Amino acid sequence: DMKQKVEEGKQLSDAMGHHPKIFSHQTVSMIRAGETGGFLKKILDRVVEMQEKRQAMISQLLSALTYPAVLMVFGCLVVVFVLVAVLPKFTAFFEGKEHILPLTTRFLMATSDSMRHYWWVYILCIVGLVVLFMVFKQSRQGKRIIDKALISGPLISGLANKIYTCEMLRTLGYLMESHVPLLEALTVTRPTIWNQYYRQFVDRIHLNIDQGGRFSQPFATYPYIPETVKQMVAIGEEAGRLPDVLMRLVRFYDIEIEEALKKVASLIEPIALIVMGGLVGVVVSSIILPLFRLSQALR
């Protein structure tokens, strides 16, 4: 289909635009810029590099989160199994002696009873929560709240801002190195950014330059851009070497992000182990400790 359209005289970007599920708007826009400026091969090389970098970053994120997620799911399944299959077998020993049972044991007994008799309510609640979250995530207000939490929330904002900044600078740097005009490079960069607050920042840069301002001016007042980037962008623009500076920043933050993801993974795994171990320990102790109390009472 693409070959046929190109043979018919259409541009490669137009042919790619008919397949939005395969080629993103970013890719099509960059290809169109390369066709207009006469440097299509260079842009194609840049697109491949960007996709490789993005895929590597996604793989790092998944590898950092996969083990803790599997651990949490397995721990929850163990707890459910104990509540549904193990705890009811001890209920007969505890009947009539609730006054000597710990609060956690009484709570788990009530939870076990409700899960066995009203399991469908739990399933409906879980499915409902998942559906509500998906609807919230796709809504305009939900996207705004999630995007804001990522760039300003505790613990994750530092890493998230580095990732968003790095992706923005990477696209701009590649386009400017390929001699795409700055305003056009900003237009192409905008839809490639996942966070709407960073897209608004690109709009602010575009408007400032369109009104005769400098590229670095919006950086100075934007709170979510790292200070190093603000200083280096100002220096690069002053020296007339902005594309080189942007790409140096990208290479620097690629290393920073990789190290930060390794630290996150090294922190999440023991925390997940401690949380799930504590949860399972509470459940098991809530069964074993009452048995000791009952044996002492019988004596």
Protein backbone atom coordinates (compact mmCIF):
# COMPACT_ATOMS: atom_id res chain seq x y z
CA ASP A 1 0.00 0.00 0.00
CA MET A 2 2.78 2.47 0.89
CA LYS A 3 4.81 1.43 -2.13
CA GLN A 4 1.80 1.96 -4.37
CA LYS A 5 1.17 5.46 -2.99
CA VAL A 6 4.83 6.46 -3.43
CA GLU A 7 4.78 5.11 -7.00
CA GLU A 8 1.68 7.22 -7.61
CA GLY A 9 3.71 10.32 -6.74
CA LYS A 10 2.75 10.87 -3.12
CA GLN A 11 5.29 11.83 -0.49
CA LEU A 12 6.59 9.12 1.85
CA SER A 13 5.17 11.03 4.82
CA ASP A 14 1.70 11.07 3.21
CA ALA A 15 1.89 7.31 2.62
CA MET A 16 2.98 6.73 6.23
CA GLY A 17 0.21 9.00 7.50
CA HIS A 18 -2.40 6.51 6.24
CA HIS A 19 -1.13 3.99 8.84
CA PRO A 20 -1.43 5.79 12.21
CA LYS A 21 -1.36 2.50 14.15
CA ILE A 22 2.13 1.77 12.77
CA PHE A 23 3.69 5.21 12.36
CA SER A 24 3.23 7.80 15.11
CA HIS A 25 2.42 11.44 14.43
CA GLN A 26 5.94 12.27 15.58
CA THR A 27 7.52 9.99 12.98
CA VAL A 28 5.33 11.29 10.16
CA SER A 29 6.05 14.91 11.14
CA MET A 30 9.81 14.31 11.22
CA ILE A 31 9.74 12.53 7.85
CA ARG A 32 7.75 15.43 6.37
CA ALA A 33 10.32 17.91 7.72
CA GLY A 34 13.10 15.85 6.16
CA GLU A 35 11.33 15.78 2.80
CA THR A 36 10.78 19.54 2.89
CA GLY A 37 14.38 20.32 3.80
CA GLY A 38 15.97 17.74 1.52
CA PHE A 39 17.63 15.67 4.25
CA LEU A 40 15.32 12.65 4.39
CA LYS A 41 18.07 10.06 4.93
CA LYS A 42 19.44 11.92 7.94
CA ILE A 43 15.97 12.23 9.45
CA LEU A 44 15.32 8.50 8.94
CA ASP A 45 18.53 7.72 10.82
CA ARG A 46 17.42 10.04 13.63
CA VAL A 47 13.99 8.42 13.82
CA VAL A 48 15.60 4.99 14.22
CA GLU A 49 17.91 6.29 16.96
CA MET A 50 15.01 7.88 18.83
CA GLN A 51 12.91 4.72 18.67
CA GLU A 52 15.83 2.64 19.93
CA LYS A 53 16.42 5.03 22.85
CA ARG A 54 12.72 5.16 23.74
CA GLN A 55 12.39 1.37 23.60
CA ALA A 56 15.47 0.97 25.79
CA MET A 57 13.99 3.36 28.36
CA ILE A 58 10.66 1.52 28.38
CA SER A 59 12.49 -1.80 28.82
CA GLN A 60 14.41 -0.37 31.78
CA LEU A 61 11.18 0.83 33.40
CA LEU A 62 9.52 -2.55 32.91
CA SER A 63 12.50 -4.46 34.26
CA ALA A 64 12.52 -2.21 37.35
CA LEU A 65 8.82 -2.79 38.04
CA THR A 66 8.24 -6.38 36.91
CA TYR A 67 9.75 -8.21 39.90
CA PRO A 68 8.00 -6.09 42.57
CA ALA A 69 4.70 -6.42 40.70
CA VAL A 70 5.01 -10.21 40.48
CA LEU A 71 5.97 -10.33 44.16
CA MET A 72 2.95 -8.25 45.18
CA VAL A 73 0.54 -10.37 43.12
CA PHE A 74 1.98 -13.60 44.50
CA GLY A 75 1.79 -12.27 48.06
CA CYS A 76 -1.85 -11.23 47.61
CA LEU A 77 -2.70 -14.69 46.23
CA VAL A 78 -1.04 -16.32 49.26
CA VAL A 79 -3.07 -14.12 51.63
CA VAL A 80 -6.33 -14.90 49.80
CA PHE A 81 -5.54 -18.63 49.90
CA VAL A 82 -4.90 -18.50 53.66
CA LEU A 83 -8.11 -16.56 54.30
CA VAL A 84 -10.32 -18.75 52.10
CA ALA A 85 -8.82 -22.22 52.53
CA VAL A 86 -6.79 -22.26 55.76
CA LEU A 87 -8.38 -19.92 58.29
CA PRO A 88 -11.92 -21.48 58.12
CA LYS A 89 -10.46 -24.77 59.39
CA PHE A 90 -9.45 -23.04 62.63
CA THR A 91 -12.76 -21.23 63.08
CA ALA A 92 -14.26 -24.13 65.05
CA PHE A 93 -11.47 -23.81 67.66
CA PHE A 94 -12.13 -20.09 68.04
CA GLU A 95 -15.95 -20.16 68.35
CA GLY A 96 -17.16 -18.85 71.71
CA LYS A 97 -13.69 -17.61 72.62
CA GLU A 98 -13.70 -14.41 70.59
CA HIS A 99 -13.01 -12.33 73.72
CA ILE A 100 -9.46 -13.70 74.03
CA LEU A 101 -8.67 -13.41 70.33
CA PRO A 102 -6.48 -10.55 69.04
CA LEU A 103 -8.20 -7.81 67.05
CA THR A 104 -6.36 -8.87 63.88
CA THR A 105 -7.66 -12.44 64.19
CA ARG A 106 -11.26 -11.29 64.62
CA PHE A 107 -10.89 -8.98 61.63
CA LEU A 108 -9.42 -11.75 59.47
CA MET A 109 -12.17 -14.16 60.51
CA ALA A 110 -14.82 -11.65 59.44
CA THR A 111 -12.95 -11.01 56.17
CA SER A 112 -12.61 -14.75 55.52
CA ASP A 113 -16.31 -15.29 56.11
CA SER A 114 -17.31 -12.48 53.77
CA MET A 115 -14.90 -13.64 51.05
CA ARG A 116 -16.28 -17.18 51.12
CA HIS A 117 -19.95 -16.14 51.06
CA TYR A 118 -19.77 -12.95 49.02
CA TRP A 119 -16.79 -13.61 46.72
CA TRP A 120 -18.70 -12.19 43.77
CA VAL A 121 -18.88 -8.80 45.50
CA TYR A 122 -15.09 -8.70 45.75
CA ILE A 123 -14.74 -9.60 42.07
CA LEU A 124 -17.24 -6.92 41.07
CA CYS A 125 -15.42 -4.35 43.21
CA ILE A 126 -12.03 -5.19 41.68
CA VAL A 127 -13.42 -5.06 38.13
CA GLY A 128 -15.26 -1.83 38.94
CA LEU A 129 -12.12 -0.20 40.33
CA VAL A 130 -10.11 -1.20 37.26
CA VAL A 131 -12.79 0.17 34.91
CA LEU A 132 -13.10 3.40 36.92
CA PHE A 133 -9.34 3.88 36.84
CA MET A 134 -9.21 3.33 33.06
CA VAL A 135 -12.07 5.80 32.50
CA PHE A 136 -10.41 8.31 34.85
CA LYS A 137 -7.07 7.86 33.10
CA GLN A 138 -8.62 8.54 29.67
CA SER A 139 -10.63 11.56 30.80
CA ARG A 140 -9.28 15.10 30.39
CA GLN A 141 -9.35 15.79 34.12
CA GLY A 142 -7.77 12.42 34.91
CA LYS A 143 -4.92 12.98 32.47
CA ARG A 144 -4.31 16.42 33.95
CA ILE A 145 -4.18 15.07 37.51
CA ILE A 146 -1.89 12.15 36.57
CA ASP A 147 0.44 14.37 34.52
CA LYS A 148 0.64 16.89 37.37
CA ALA A 149 1.33 14.15 39.93
CA LEU A 150 4.17 12.76 37.80
CA ILE A 151 6.05 16.06 37.56
CA SER A 152 5.38 17.44 41.06
CA GLY A 153 4.59 14.44 43.28
CA PRO A 154 7.01 13.15 45.92
CA LEU A 155 9.55 10.41 45.11
CA ILE A 156 8.78 10.16 41.37
CA SER A 157 8.91 13.78 40.18
CA GLY A 158 12.72 13.94 40.00
CA LEU A 159 12.99 10.95 37.68
CA ALA A 160 9.87 11.85 35.67
CA ASN A 161 11.10 15.40 34.96
CA LYS A 162 14.46 14.05 33.81
CA ILE A 163 12.72 11.63 31.42
CA TYR A 164 10.37 14.26 29.98
CA THR A 165 13.15 16.83 29.64
CA CYS A 166 15.47 14.31 27.99
CA GLU A 167 12.84 13.21 25.46
CA MET A 168 11.99 16.83 24.60
CA LEU A 169 15.63 17.82 24.15
CA ARG A 170 16.38 14.67 22.14
CA THR A 171 13.72 15.43 19.53
CA LEU A 172 14.64 19.12 19.35
CA GLY A 173 18.35 18.34 19.16
CA TYR A 174 17.96 15.78 16.38
CA LEU A 175 15.78 18.13 14.33
CA MET A 176 18.03 21.14 14.82
CA GLU A 177 21.12 19.08 13.95
CA SER A 178 19.31 18.15 10.73
CA HIS A 179 18.87 21.89 9.97
CA VAL A 180 15.11 21.96 10.60
CA PRO A 181 14.07 25.57 11.43
CA LEU A 182 13.54 26.09 15.16
CA LEU A 183 9.83 26.95 14.99
CA GLU A 184 9.17 23.92 12.80
CA ALA A 185 11.25 21.74 15.15
CA LEU A 186 9.11 22.90 18.08
CA THR A 187 5.92 22.15 16.14
CA VAL A 188 7.16 18.63 15.38
CA THR A 189 8.38 18.08 18.96
CA ARG A 190 5.13 19.07 20.69
CA PRO A 191 3.02 15.93 19.88
CA THR A 192 5.91 13.63 20.81
CA ILE A 193 5.75 14.61 24.50
CA TRP A 194 3.62 12.42 26.78
CA ASN A 195 2.97 15.03 29.49
CA GLN A 196 0.57 17.88 28.74
CA TYR A 197 2.42 20.32 31.02
CA TYR A 198 5.58 19.81 28.98
CA ARG A 199 3.56 20.25 25.78
CA GLN A 200 2.34 23.57 27.16
CA PHE A 201 5.96 24.46 27.88
CA VAL A 202 6.86 23.81 24.24
CA ASP A 203 3.94 26.04 23.22
CA ARG A 204 5.36 28.75 25.49
CA ILE A 205 8.79 28.47 23.82
CA HIS A 206 7.17 28.61 20.38
CA LEU A 207 5.15 31.72 21.28
CA ASN A 208 8.18 33.43 22.83
CA ILE A 209 10.34 32.86 19.73
CA ASP A 210 7.48 33.85 17.42
CA GLN A 211 7.29 37.18 19.28
CA GLY A 212 11.02 37.78 18.86
CA GLY A 213 12.23 36.38 22.19
CA ARG A 214 15.07 33.99 22.92
CA PHE A 215 14.84 30.20 23.10
CA SER A 216 16.28 30.07 26.62
CA GLN A 217 13.94 32.63 28.21
CA PRO A 218 11.00 30.25 29.00
CA PHE A 219 13.46 27.73 30.49
CA ALA A 220 14.52 30.20 33.20
CA THR A 221 11.02 30.42 34.73
CA TYR A 222 9.76 26.87 34.21
CA PRO A 223 9.90 25.05 37.59
CA TYR A 224 10.08 21.47 36.30
CA ILE A 225 13.21 21.80 34.16
CA PRO A 226 16.47 20.83 35.96
CA GLU A 227 18.75 23.78 36.77
CA THR A 228 21.60 22.25 34.77
CA VAL A 229 19.49 22.31 31.63
CA LYS A 230 18.50 25.96 32.17
CA GLN A 231 22.13 27.05 32.49
CA MET A 232 23.45 24.94 29.60
CA VAL A 233 20.66 26.03 27.22
CA ALA A 234 21.38 29.70 27.96
CA ILE A 235 25.12 29.17 27.41
CA GLY A 236 24.55 27.15 24.21
CA GLU A 237 22.26 29.79 22.74
CA GLU A 238 24.69 32.58 23.64
CA ALA A 239 27.56 30.70 21.98
CA GLY A 240 25.52 29.77 18.89
CA ARG A 241 25.95 26.03 19.54
CA LEU A 242 22.47 25.16 20.77
CA PRO A 243 22.04 21.82 18.88
CA ASP A 244 25.40 20.54 20.19
CA VAL A 245 24.51 21.56 23.75
CA LEU A 246 21.08 19.90 23.54
CA MET A 247 22.61 16.61 22.39
CA ARG A 248 25.28 16.75 25.13
CA LEU A 249 22.51 17.23 27.68
CA VAL A 250 20.63 14.27 26.19
CA ARG A 251 23.67 12.00 26.49
CA PHE A 252 24.25 13.18 30.07
CA TYR A 253 20.64 12.58 31.12
CA ASP A 254 20.51 9.20 29.38
CA ILE A 255 23.21 8.07 31.83
CA GLU A 256 21.48 9.84 34.75
CA ILE A 257 18.13 8.17 33.98
CA GLU A 258 19.72 4.74 33.61
CA GLU A 259 21.44 5.10 37.00
CA ALA A 260 18.23 6.44 38.61
CA LEU A 261 16.22 3.47 37.29
CA LYS A 262 18.78 1.07 38.72
CA LYS A 263 18.48 2.79 42.10
CA VAL A 264 14.69 2.64 41.94
CA ALA A 265 14.79 -1.07 41.15
CA SER A 266 17.26 -1.71 44.00
CA LEU A 267 14.96 0.16 46.43
CA ILE A 268 11.61 -1.23 45.28
CA GLU A 269 12.58 -4.90 45.56
CA PRO A 270 13.49 -4.92 49.29
CA ILE A 271 10.56 -2.63 50.12
CA ALA A 272 8.17 -4.98 48.32
CA LEU A 273 9.70 -7.94 50.15
CA ILE A 274 9.33 -6.23 53.53
CA VAL A 275 5.72 -5.17 52.85
CA MET A 276 4.58 -8.57 51.61
CA GLY A 277 6.57 -10.41 54.28
CA GLY A 278 4.96 -8.23 56.95
CA LEU A 279 1.48 -8.79 55.52
CA VAL A 280 1.90 -12.56 55.33
CA GLY A 281 3.48 -12.54 58.79
CA VAL A 282 0.48 -10.70 60.28
CA VAL A 283 -1.93 -13.18 58.70
CA VAL A 284 0.00 -16.24 59.88
CA SER A 285 0.60 -14.86 63.38
CA SER A 286 -3.10 -14.03 63.66
CA ILE A 287 -3.76 -17.75 63.32
CA ILE A 288 -0.89 -19.20 65.36
CA LEU A 289 -0.91 -16.84 68.36
CA PRO A 290 -4.58 -17.54 69.25
CA LEU A 291 -3.79 -21.27 69.21
CA PHE A 292 -1.11 -20.68 71.86
CA ARG A 293 -3.55 -18.62 73.91
CA LEU A 294 -6.19 -21.34 73.68
CA SER A 295 -3.73 -24.05 74.67
CA GLN A 296 -2.68 -22.00 77.73
CA ALA A 297 -6.36 -21.37 78.64
CA LEU A 298 -7.11 -25.11 78.45
CA ARG A 299 -4.24 -25.82 80.82
